[in-house]
């Protein structure tokens, strides 16, 4: 049997541990539900670390990045066309394309028609332009003819525009910019050759997923459902069933860091006979491929922030296409499941407090638990495609253990004070007894 005083202290200690555990779990769960800005940013940072450390989506070999890069927009007619690529003179189409490119950016739109025709005749399955064509410009007639001729294989970009005073991460578009009417006639329905290129970022302006359908109504027009560039490309490639049917955003598993998953090929190379024969095997390399044509490099500032760092917009589209073809979407647990994980973490902290008396051993066990938490989240990310909550459980676990340590330290101080007081009283009593015992002897003497 334990002494009565010890039983009382032990009982009070359990009560305080239970109260602290409830308080810490409740506070962490409340933060996870309310999601203030500082909390969301910290949670996203942890997720990004997991995304960079975890499994990536394997590269689909049927995806090709044809880049409008600085090499393509800085061609010089005398130095490059006549000096470095004289063989293009034997092919009028190649010569014409390189000559248009050498005139400087922005290009005459005839070049997009020539690119489309060359890729389509080489056997490309889908050609997706991550480019916007909002206003009429020279060359529209040739490009429109090519869009009509290869309508089953081509997709071009459109764009949702948000008010200037509203952050685009809030997903509040105010208008929809379609391609120029000189390319595709404006209709009340969505043309299957057009897909929106927007990525609706999170609060920290980082792209972590994609939305494949947007329902939008502009002024007096009827409500229309618009599909993204990636959704259009996959549908035209023969896999419309892979495109989600709802309007929700999907978190994706990226392929890797920028310029590592999808190597950019300079677009001018397809018009240089030597490159066309050796690098593209006279077009055979492009057969049955989905080719994304878009800007690459800092010259046009078309880069988006991702968990892996700044990435060209066209490469982000390729990552989305890759995730869509592989079905590599990531999920988040429902709020109740997240709350359960947070509560379990707080209970683990309480178990450490009640089972380990030594503060140093308890702190060592806490460090081990803190290390195991992210590893557990990484396992769920790799094998279940699930973003297990990290921040709220870690807050619940650490705050429970630390507050319990403070509580134990306070109990120790109280017990020491009680013991000191008891000893002082006993010492005073001893002095009194000794004094009383000596007093009769003094009188007799």
Protein backbone atom coordinates (compact mmCIF):
# COMPACT_ATOMS: atom_id res chain seq x y z
CA UNK A 1 0.00 0.00 0.00
CA UNK A 2 1.21 3.48 -0.87
CA UNK A 3 1.26 6.14 1.84
CA UNK A 4 -1.89 8.25 1.87
CA UNK A 5 0.01 11.45 1.09
CA UNK A 6 1.72 9.84 -1.91
CA UNK A 7 -1.62 8.55 -3.21
CA UNK A 8 -3.07 12.05 -3.04
CA UNK A 9 -0.11 13.52 -4.95
CA UNK A 10 -0.27 10.76 -7.57
CA UNK A 11 -4.01 11.30 -7.99
CA UNK A 12 -3.54 15.04 -8.44
CA UNK A 13 -0.76 14.43 -10.94
CA UNK A 14 -3.00 12.21 -13.08
CA UNK A 15 -5.77 14.80 -12.97
CA UNK A 16 -3.40 17.56 -14.11
CA UNK A 17 -1.94 15.39 -16.90
CA UNK A 18 -5.47 14.66 -18.17
CA UNK A 19 -6.38 18.35 -18.07
CA UNK A 20 -3.18 19.40 -19.86
CA UNK A 21 -3.65 16.69 -22.50
CA UNK A 22 -7.21 17.82 -23.15
CA UNK A 23 -6.15 21.46 -23.31
CA UNK A 24 -3.24 20.83 -25.71
CA UNK A 25 -5.24 18.52 -27.99
CA UNK A 26 -8.13 20.98 -28.06
CA UNK A 27 -5.90 23.97 -28.85
CA UNK A 28 -4.07 22.13 -31.66
CA UNK A 29 -7.37 20.89 -33.14
CA UNK A 30 -8.83 24.39 -32.96
CA UNK A 31 -5.83 25.76 -34.86
CA UNK A 32 -6.21 23.04 -37.49
CA UNK A 33 -9.88 23.90 -37.98
CA UNK A 34 -9.54 27.69 -37.92
CA UNK A 35 -6.35 27.60 -40.00
CA UNK A 36 -4.95 31.11 -39.43
CA UNK A 37 -2.47 32.34 -42.02
CA UNK A 38 0.69 31.67 -40.00
CA UNK A 39 -0.50 28.13 -39.24
CA UNK A 40 -1.38 27.38 -42.88
CA UNK A 41 1.99 28.62 -44.11
CA UNK A 42 3.85 26.45 -41.59
CA UNK A 43 1.72 23.41 -42.52
CA UNK A 44 2.38 24.00 -46.23
CA UNK A 45 6.12 24.25 -45.59
CA UNK A 46 6.07 20.87 -43.85
CA UNK A 47 4.09 19.39 -46.74
CA UNK A 48 6.57 20.77 -49.25
CA UNK A 49 9.45 19.13 -47.37
CA UNK A 50 7.57 15.82 -47.51
CA UNK A 51 6.85 16.30 -51.23
CA UNK A 52 10.53 16.95 -51.98
CA UNK A 53 11.64 14.00 -49.84
CA UNK A 54 8.99 11.55 -50.95
CA UNK A 55 8.18 9.51 -54.00
CA UNK A 56 7.67 11.33 -57.29
CA UNK A 57 5.55 10.40 -60.29
CA UNK A 58 7.56 8.52 -62.94
CA UNK A 59 7.98 10.36 -66.22
CA UNK A 60 5.54 9.35 -68.93
CA UNK A 61 7.65 8.89 -72.08
CA UNK A 62 4.77 10.13 -74.24
CA UNK A 63 5.07 13.69 -72.92
CA UNK A 64 7.39 16.14 -74.69
CA UNK A 65 8.28 19.72 -73.80
CA UNK A 66 8.94 21.87 -76.87
CA UNK A 67 10.33 25.10 -75.44
CA UNK A 68 10.06 28.61 -76.75
CA UNK A 69 13.38 29.49 -75.12
CA UNK A 70 15.95 32.23 -75.46
CA UNK A 71 17.79 30.29 -78.18
CA UNK A 72 14.61 30.22 -80.26
CA UNK A 73 13.66 33.89 -79.85
CA UNK A 74 17.18 35.26 -80.42
CA UNK A 75 17.95 33.63 -83.76
CA UNK A 76 19.94 35.85 -86.09
CA UNK A 77 19.15 35.61 -89.79
CA UNK A 78 22.73 36.11 -90.96
CA UNK A 79 24.66 34.41 -88.17
CA UNK A 80 22.36 31.45 -87.51
CA UNK A 81 20.36 30.85 -90.68
CA UNK A 82 23.18 31.45 -93.15
CA UNK A 83 26.12 30.54 -90.93
CA UNK A 84 25.14 27.74 -88.53
CA UNK A 85 22.12 26.23 -90.27
CA UNK A 86 22.75 26.57 -94.01
CA UNK A 87 21.13 23.17 -94.65
CA UNK A 88 17.72 24.73 -93.94
CA UNK A 89 17.97 26.48 -97.31
CA UNK A 90 17.13 23.17 -99.01
CA UNK A 91 13.75 22.96 -97.23
CA UNK A 92 11.50 25.96 -97.96
CA UNK A 93 9.22 25.25 -94.97
CA UNK A 94 12.15 25.10 -92.53
CA UNK A 95 13.70 28.18 -94.06
CA UNK A 96 10.43 30.07 -93.76
CA UNK A 97 9.96 29.05 -90.11
CA UNK A 98 13.49 30.01 -89.06
CA UNK A 99 13.20 33.30 -90.90
CA UNK A 100 10.00 34.19 -89.01
CA UNK A 101 11.70 33.31 -85.70
CA UNK A 102 14.69 35.48 -86.54
CA UNK A 103 12.45 38.54 -86.89
CA UNK A 104 12.25 38.78 -83.10
CA UNK A 105 9.58 38.31 -80.45
CA UNK A 106 6.58 38.36 -80.62
CA UNK A 107 6.51 36.09 -83.62
CA UNK A 108 4.18 36.30 -86.56
CA UNK A 109 1.43 33.77 -85.79
CA UNK A 110 2.12 31.97 -89.01
CA UNK A 111 4.96 30.25 -87.13
CA UNK A 112 2.46 28.51 -84.83
CA UNK A 113 0.69 27.16 -87.89
CA UNK A 114 3.98 25.84 -89.28
CA UNK A 115 4.90 24.25 -85.92
CA UNK A 116 1.45 22.66 -85.65
CA UNK A 117 1.58 21.23 -89.15
CA UNK A 118 5.10 19.84 -88.71
CA UNK A 119 4.27 18.15 -85.41
CA UNK A 120 0.91 16.79 -86.60
CA UNK A 121 2.40 15.36 -89.78
CA UNK A 122 5.16 13.74 -87.70
CA UNK A 123 2.46 11.78 -85.88
CA UNK A 124 2.11 13.73 -82.63
CA UNK A 125 -1.06 12.70 -80.84
CA UNK A 126 -1.85 16.12 -79.31
CA UNK A 127 -0.19 19.52 -79.64
CA UNK A 128 -1.00 21.81 -76.69
CA UNK A 129 0.05 25.47 -76.82
CA UNK A 130 0.64 26.95 -73.37
CA UNK A 131 0.30 30.34 -75.02
CA UNK A 132 -2.36 33.03 -75.09
CA UNK A 133 -3.63 34.61 -78.30
CA UNK A 134 -6.06 37.27 -76.99
CA UNK A 135 -5.91 39.85 -79.79
CA UNK A 136 -5.70 39.71 -83.60
CA UNK A 137 -2.17 39.92 -85.03
CA UNK A 138 -0.49 39.21 -88.36
CA UNK A 139 -0.48 35.55 -89.37
CA UNK A 140 -3.90 34.75 -87.90
CA UNK A 141 -5.26 33.48 -91.21
CA UNK A 142 -2.58 30.80 -91.53
CA UNK A 143 -2.89 29.80 -87.88
CA UNK A 144 -6.68 29.61 -88.09
CA UNK A 145 -6.47 27.37 -91.15
CA UNK A 146 -4.11 25.04 -89.27
CA UNK A 147 -6.38 25.04 -86.20
CA UNK A 148 -9.29 24.01 -88.41
CA UNK A 149 -7.27 21.38 -90.28
CA UNK A 150 -5.87 19.70 -87.15
CA UNK A 151 -8.74 20.49 -84.78
CA UNK A 152 -8.77 16.96 -83.33
CA UNK A 153 -5.11 17.26 -82.29
CA UNK A 154 -4.63 20.81 -81.07
CA UNK A 155 -5.38 22.79 -77.91
CA UNK A 156 -4.52 26.45 -77.34
CA UNK A 157 -4.63 28.48 -74.15
CA UNK A 158 -7.20 30.82 -72.65
CA UNK A 159 -7.15 32.65 -69.35
CA UNK A 160 -9.35 33.60 -66.41
CA UNK A 161 -8.64 37.11 -65.16
CA UNK A 162 -9.11 38.21 -61.55
CA UNK A 163 -9.72 41.78 -60.34
CA UNK A 164 -6.53 43.74 -59.81
CA UNK A 165 -7.32 44.27 -56.12
CA UNK A 166 -7.97 40.57 -55.48
CA UNK A 167 -5.15 38.10 -55.02
CA UNK A 168 -5.40 35.40 -57.69
CA UNK A 169 -4.96 32.76 -55.00
CA UNK A 170 -8.51 33.58 -53.87
CA UNK A 171 -9.88 31.93 -57.02
CA UNK A 172 -12.27 34.76 -57.90
CA UNK A 173 -12.12 35.29 -61.68
CA UNK A 174 -13.96 38.31 -63.01
CA UNK A 175 -13.63 37.65 -66.73
CA UNK A 176 -12.59 35.02 -69.21
CA UNK A 177 -10.16 35.89 -72.00
CA UNK A 178 -10.77 33.67 -75.01
CA UNK A 179 -8.48 33.43 -78.02
CA UNK A 180 -8.97 36.09 -80.68
CA UNK A 181 -12.05 35.68 -82.85
CA UNK A 182 -9.76 35.70 -85.87
CA UNK A 183 -8.48 32.30 -84.68
CA UNK A 184 -11.51 30.63 -83.10
CA UNK A 185 -15.00 32.13 -83.42
CA UNK A 186 -16.50 33.15 -80.09
CA UNK A 187 -19.51 31.01 -79.20
CA UNK A 188 -21.80 30.54 -76.21
CA UNK A 189 -20.27 27.12 -75.59
CA UNK A 190 -16.71 26.06 -74.90
CA UNK A 191 -14.67 25.09 -77.98
CA UNK A 192 -12.79 21.80 -77.49
CA UNK A 193 -9.66 23.39 -78.99
CA UNK A 194 -9.39 25.80 -76.05
CA UNK A 195 -8.32 25.09 -72.47
CA UNK A 196 -7.64 27.53 -69.65
CA UNK A 197 -4.02 27.77 -68.50
CA UNK A 198 -4.65 29.15 -64.99
CA UNK A 199 -3.31 27.59 -61.82
CA UNK A 200 -5.18 28.80 -58.76
CA UNK A 201 -2.46 29.03 -56.15
CA UNK A 202 -2.67 28.56 -52.39
CA UNK A 203 -2.45 31.43 -49.91
CA UNK A 204 1.34 31.47 -50.21
CA UNK A 205 1.14 31.69 -54.05
CA UNK A 206 2.59 28.22 -54.56
CA UNK A 207 1.07 25.79 -57.05
CA UNK A 208 0.44 22.38 -55.49
CA UNK A 209 -2.44 21.13 -57.59
CA UNK A 210 -4.71 21.76 -60.53
CA UNK A 211 -8.35 22.39 -61.22
CA UNK A 212 -9.57 20.68 -64.38
CA UNK A 213 -13.03 22.25 -64.67
CA UNK A 214 -14.31 25.73 -63.86
CA UNK A 215 -17.95 26.80 -63.93
CA UNK A 216 -18.16 30.45 -64.91
CA UNK A 217 -20.78 32.94 -65.97
CA UNK A 218 -19.88 36.29 -67.48
CA UNK A 219 -22.45 39.09 -67.52
CA UNK A 220 -25.66 38.01 -69.23
CA UNK A 221 -24.13 34.90 -70.80
CA UNK A 222 -25.26 31.46 -69.59
CA UNK A 223 -23.12 29.45 -67.20
CA UNK A 224 -20.47 27.42 -69.01
CA UNK A 225 -18.08 24.73 -67.76
CA UNK A 226 -14.56 25.31 -69.08
CA UNK A 227 -11.86 22.64 -69.17
CA UNK A 228 -8.18 23.18 -68.49
CA UNK A 229 -5.41 22.80 -71.05
CA UNK A 230 -4.37 19.50 -69.43
CA UNK A 231 -7.93 18.15 -69.40
CA UNK A 232 -8.37 18.97 -73.09
CA UNK A 233 -5.04 17.40 -74.01
CA UNK A 234 -5.73 14.15 -72.15
CA UNK A 235 -9.24 13.95 -73.63
CA UNK A 236 -7.93 14.40 -77.16
CA UNK A 237 -5.25 11.80 -76.45
CA UNK A 238 -8.06 9.27 -75.99
CA UNK A 239 -8.41 9.23 -72.20
CA UNK A 240 -11.36 11.48 -71.29
CA UNK A 241 -12.27 9.11 -68.45
CA UNK A 242 -9.13 10.18 -66.56
CA UNK A 243 -10.35 13.78 -66.20
CA UNK A 244 -12.19 14.37 -62.88
CA UNK A 245 -15.84 15.20 -63.41
CA UNK A 246 -16.23 17.61 -60.48
CA UNK A 247 -15.02 21.16 -59.98
CA UNK A 248 -12.69 20.41 -57.07
CA UNK A 249 -8.97 21.06 -57.17
CA UNK A 250 -6.68 18.02 -57.11
CA UNK A 251 -3.34 18.00 -55.33
CA UNK A 252 -0.77 16.33 -57.58
CA UNK A 253 2.39 14.34 -57.04
CA UNK A 254 5.07 16.20 -58.97
CA UNK A 255 7.58 14.52 -61.26
CA UNK A 256 10.63 16.22 -59.79
CA UNK A 257 12.59 19.48 -59.60
CA UNK A 258 12.42 21.99 -62.46
CA UNK A 259 13.97 20.89 -65.75
CA UNK A 260 14.70 17.40 -64.45
CA UNK A 261 11.54 15.48 -65.31
CA UNK A 262 10.79 16.98 -68.71
CA UNK A 263 13.86 18.18 -70.56
CA UNK A 264 13.04 21.22 -72.70
CA UNK A 265 13.72 20.89 -76.44
CA UNK A 266 14.24 24.20 -78.24
CA UNK A 267 11.41 24.67 -80.72
CA UNK A 268 13.72 25.97 -83.44
CA UNK A 269 15.46 22.56 -83.56
CA UNK A 270 12.53 20.92 -85.38
CA UNK A 271 13.29 23.17 -88.37
CA UNK A 272 17.03 22.45 -88.51
CA UNK A 273 17.50 19.35 -90.71
CA UNK A 274 20.47 18.01 -88.70
CA UNK A 275 18.57 18.23 -85.39
CA UNK A 276 15.38 16.92 -86.99
CA UNK A 277 17.14 13.82 -88.30
CA UNK A 278 19.36 13.01 -85.32
CA UNK A 279 17.43 14.27 -82.26
CA UNK A 280 13.91 13.62 -83.52
CA UNK A 281 14.66 10.73 -85.90
CA UNK A 282 12.97 12.63 -88.74
CA UNK A 283 9.84 13.02 -86.63
CA UNK A 284 9.53 9.41 -85.42
CA UNK A 285 10.44 10.56 -81.89
CA UNK A 286 7.21 12.60 -81.78
CA UNK A 287 4.87 9.84 -82.92
CA UNK A 288 1.94 9.30 -80.51
CA UNK A 289 3.31 11.94 -78.15
CA UNK A 290 1.53 14.75 -76.32
CA UNK A 291 3.65 17.80 -77.13
CA UNK A 292 3.37 20.91 -74.96
CA UNK A 293 4.67 24.07 -76.62
CA UNK A 294 5.39 26.89 -74.19
CA UNK A 295 7.83 29.44 -72.86
CA UNK A 296 10.93 28.34 -70.95
CA UNK A 297 13.53 30.46 -69.22
CA UNK A 298 13.48 33.82 -67.50
CA UNK A 299 13.22 35.84 -70.71
CA UNK A 300 9.39 35.83 -70.57
CA UNK A 301 9.00 35.45 -66.77
CA UNK A 302 6.51 32.61 -67.20
CA UNK A 303 7.48 30.74 -64.05
CA UNK A 304 5.34 29.49 -61.18
CA UNK A 305 6.38 28.66 -57.63
CA UNK A 306 5.97 24.99 -56.75
CA UNK A 307 7.06 22.81 -53.79
CA UNK A 308 10.22 22.12 -55.83
CA UNK A 309 10.96 25.78 -56.57
CA UNK A 310 10.22 28.08 -59.53
CA UNK A 311 9.15 26.04 -62.57
CA UNK A 312 8.27 27.10 -66.14
CA UNK A 313 4.51 27.27 -66.63
CA UNK A 314 4.61 24.75 -69.48
CA UNK A 315 6.54 22.31 -67.28
CA UNK A 316 3.90 22.66 -64.56
CA UNK A 317 1.30 21.69 -67.18
CA UNK A 318 3.44 18.66 -68.04
CA UNK A 319 3.58 17.69 -64.36
CA UNK A 320 -0.21 17.94 -64.20
CA UNK A 321 -0.56 15.89 -67.39
CA UNK A 322 1.81 13.29 -65.99
CA UNK A 323 -0.10 13.05 -62.71
CA UNK A 324 -3.38 12.85 -64.63
CA UNK A 325 -2.18 10.02 -66.85
CA UNK A 326 -0.77 8.09 -63.87
CA UNK A 327 -3.68 8.90 -61.54
CA UNK A 328 -1.21 10.34 -59.02
CA UNK A 329 -3.50 12.61 -57.04
CA UNK A 330 -2.91 13.30 -53.36
CA UNK A 331 -5.62 13.34 -50.72
CA UNK A 332 -6.15 15.13 -47.43
CA UNK A 333 -7.81 13.40 -44.47
CA UNK A 334 -11.24 14.72 -43.42
CA UNK A 335 -11.35 17.09 -40.43
CA UNK A 336 -12.50 14.40 -38.00
CA UNK A 337 -9.63 12.11 -39.00
CA UNK A 338 -7.15 14.96 -38.56
CA UNK A 339 -8.61 15.68 -35.12
CA UNK A 340 -8.26 11.99 -34.22
CA UNK A 341 -4.58 12.00 -35.23
CA UNK A 342 -4.00 15.14 -33.16
CA UNK A 343 -5.72 13.58 -30.15
CA UNK A 344 -3.64 10.41 -30.46
CA UNK A 345 -0.48 12.52 -30.51
CA UNK A 346 -1.56 14.29 -27.31
CA UNK A 347 -2.34 10.93 -25.67
CA UNK A 348 1.13 9.72 -26.65
CA UNK A 349 2.57 12.76 -24.88
CA UNK A 350 0.50 11.94 -21.78
CA UNK A 351 1.74 8.34 -21.85
CA UNK A 352 5.34 9.57 -21.94
CA UNK A 353 4.67 11.80 -18.94
CA UNK A 354 3.05 9.07 -16.85
CA UNK A 355 5.44 6.25 -17.74
CA UNK A 356 8.83 8.02 -17.71
CA UNK A 357 9.78 9.81 -14.51
CA UNK A 358 13.23 11.04 -15.54
CA UNK A 359 12.96 14.42 -17.33
CA UNK A 360 15.99 13.68 -19.52
CA UNK A 361 14.69 10.29 -20.60
CA UNK A 362 11.31 11.86 -21.28
CA UNK A 363 12.87 14.55 -23.48
CA UNK A 364 14.86 11.88 -25.32
CA UNK A 365 11.63 9.95 -25.95
CA UNK A 366 9.98 13.18 -27.15
CA UNK A 367 12.77 13.77 -29.69
CA UNK A 368 12.33 10.19 -30.92
CA UNK A 369 8.57 10.71 -31.29
CA UNK A 370 9.13 14.02 -33.10
CA UNK A 371 11.41 12.22 -35.56
CA UNK A 372 8.98 9.34 -36.05
CA UNK A 373 6.06 11.67 -36.84
CA UNK A 374 7.38 13.08 -40.15
CA UNK A 375 8.64 9.61 -41.13
CA UNK A 376 5.13 8.27 -40.59
CA UNK A 377 3.72 11.13 -42.69
CA UNK A 378 6.29 10.36 -45.40
CA UNK A 379 5.20 6.70 -45.46
CA UNK A 380 1.56 7.67 -45.93
CA UNK A 381 2.60 10.14 -48.67
CA UNK A 382 4.61 7.50 -50.54
CA UNK A 383 2.30 4.51 -50.18
CA UNK A 384 -1.19 5.91 -49.65
CA UNK A 385 -1.04 9.23 -51.48
CA UNK A 386 -2.20 10.93 -48.29
CA UNK A 387 -1.04 14.15 -46.67
CA UNK A 388 -1.12 13.13 -43.03
CA UNK A 389 -1.41 16.23 -40.78
CA UNK A 390 1.95 17.08 -39.20
CA UNK A 391 1.81 20.44 -37.50
CA UNK A 392 -1.23 19.97 -35.25
CA UNK A 393 -0.13 16.52 -33.94
CA UNK A 394 3.41 17.78 -33.30
CA UNK A 395 2.05 20.81 -31.46
CA UNK A 396 -0.23 18.61 -29.35
CA UNK A 397 2.55 16.12 -28.56
CA UNK A 398 5.25 18.64 -27.67
CA UNK A 399 3.01 21.01 -25.72
CA UNK A 400 1.60 18.11 -23.67
CA UNK A 401 5.05 16.82 -22.74
CA UNK A 402 6.49 20.26 -22.00
CA UNK A 403 3.52 21.41 -19.91
CA UNK A 404 3.61 18.14 -17.99
CA UNK A 405 7.31 18.68 -17.33
CA UNK A 406 6.50 22.12 -15.94
CA UNK A 407 3.73 20.57 -13.86
CA UNK A 408 6.07 17.89 -12.48
CA UNK A 409 8.70 20.49 -11.69
CA UNK A 410 6.08 22.54 -9.87
CA UNK A 411 4.99 19.47 -7.88
CA UNK A 412 8.62 18.82 -6.95
CA UNK A 413 9.02 22.38 -5.72
CA UNK A 414 5.84 22.10 -3.66
CA UNK A 415 6.95 18.78 -2.14
CA UNK A 416 10.39 20.17 -1.37
CA UNK A 417 8.82 23.17 0.32
CA UNK A 418 6.55 20.89 2.37
CA UNK A 419 9.48 18.68 3.36
CA UNK A 420 11.58 21.68 4.31
CA UNK A 421 8.74 23.05 6.40
CA UNK A 422 8.27 19.67 8.13
CA UNK A 423 11.98 19.37 8.87
CA UNK A 424 12.09 22.90 10.24
CA UNK A 425 9.13 22.13 12.52
CA UNK A 426 10.80 18.94 13.73
CA UNK A 427 14.02 20.79 14.38
CA UNK A 428 12.16 23.40 16.42
CA UNK A 429 10.39 20.64 18.34
CA UNK A 430 13.69 18.91 19.04
CA UNK A 431 15.17 22.12 20.39
CA UNK A 432 12.15 22.57 22.63
CA UNK A 433 12.38 19.00 23.98
CA UNK A 434 16.10 19.32 24.65
CA UNK A 435 15.51 22.64 26.38
CA UNK A 436 12.75 21.14 28.54
CA UNK A 437 14.94 18.19 29.47
CA UNK A 438 17.80 20.43 30.50
CA UNK A 439 15.67 22.79 32.56
CA UNK A 440 15.11 20.43 35.65
CA UNK A 441 18.81 19.61 35.79
CA UNK A 442 19.62 23.28 35.93
CA UNK A 443 17.17 23.82 38.80
CA UNK A 444 18.60 20.86 40.80
CA UNK A 445 22.12 22.06 40.25
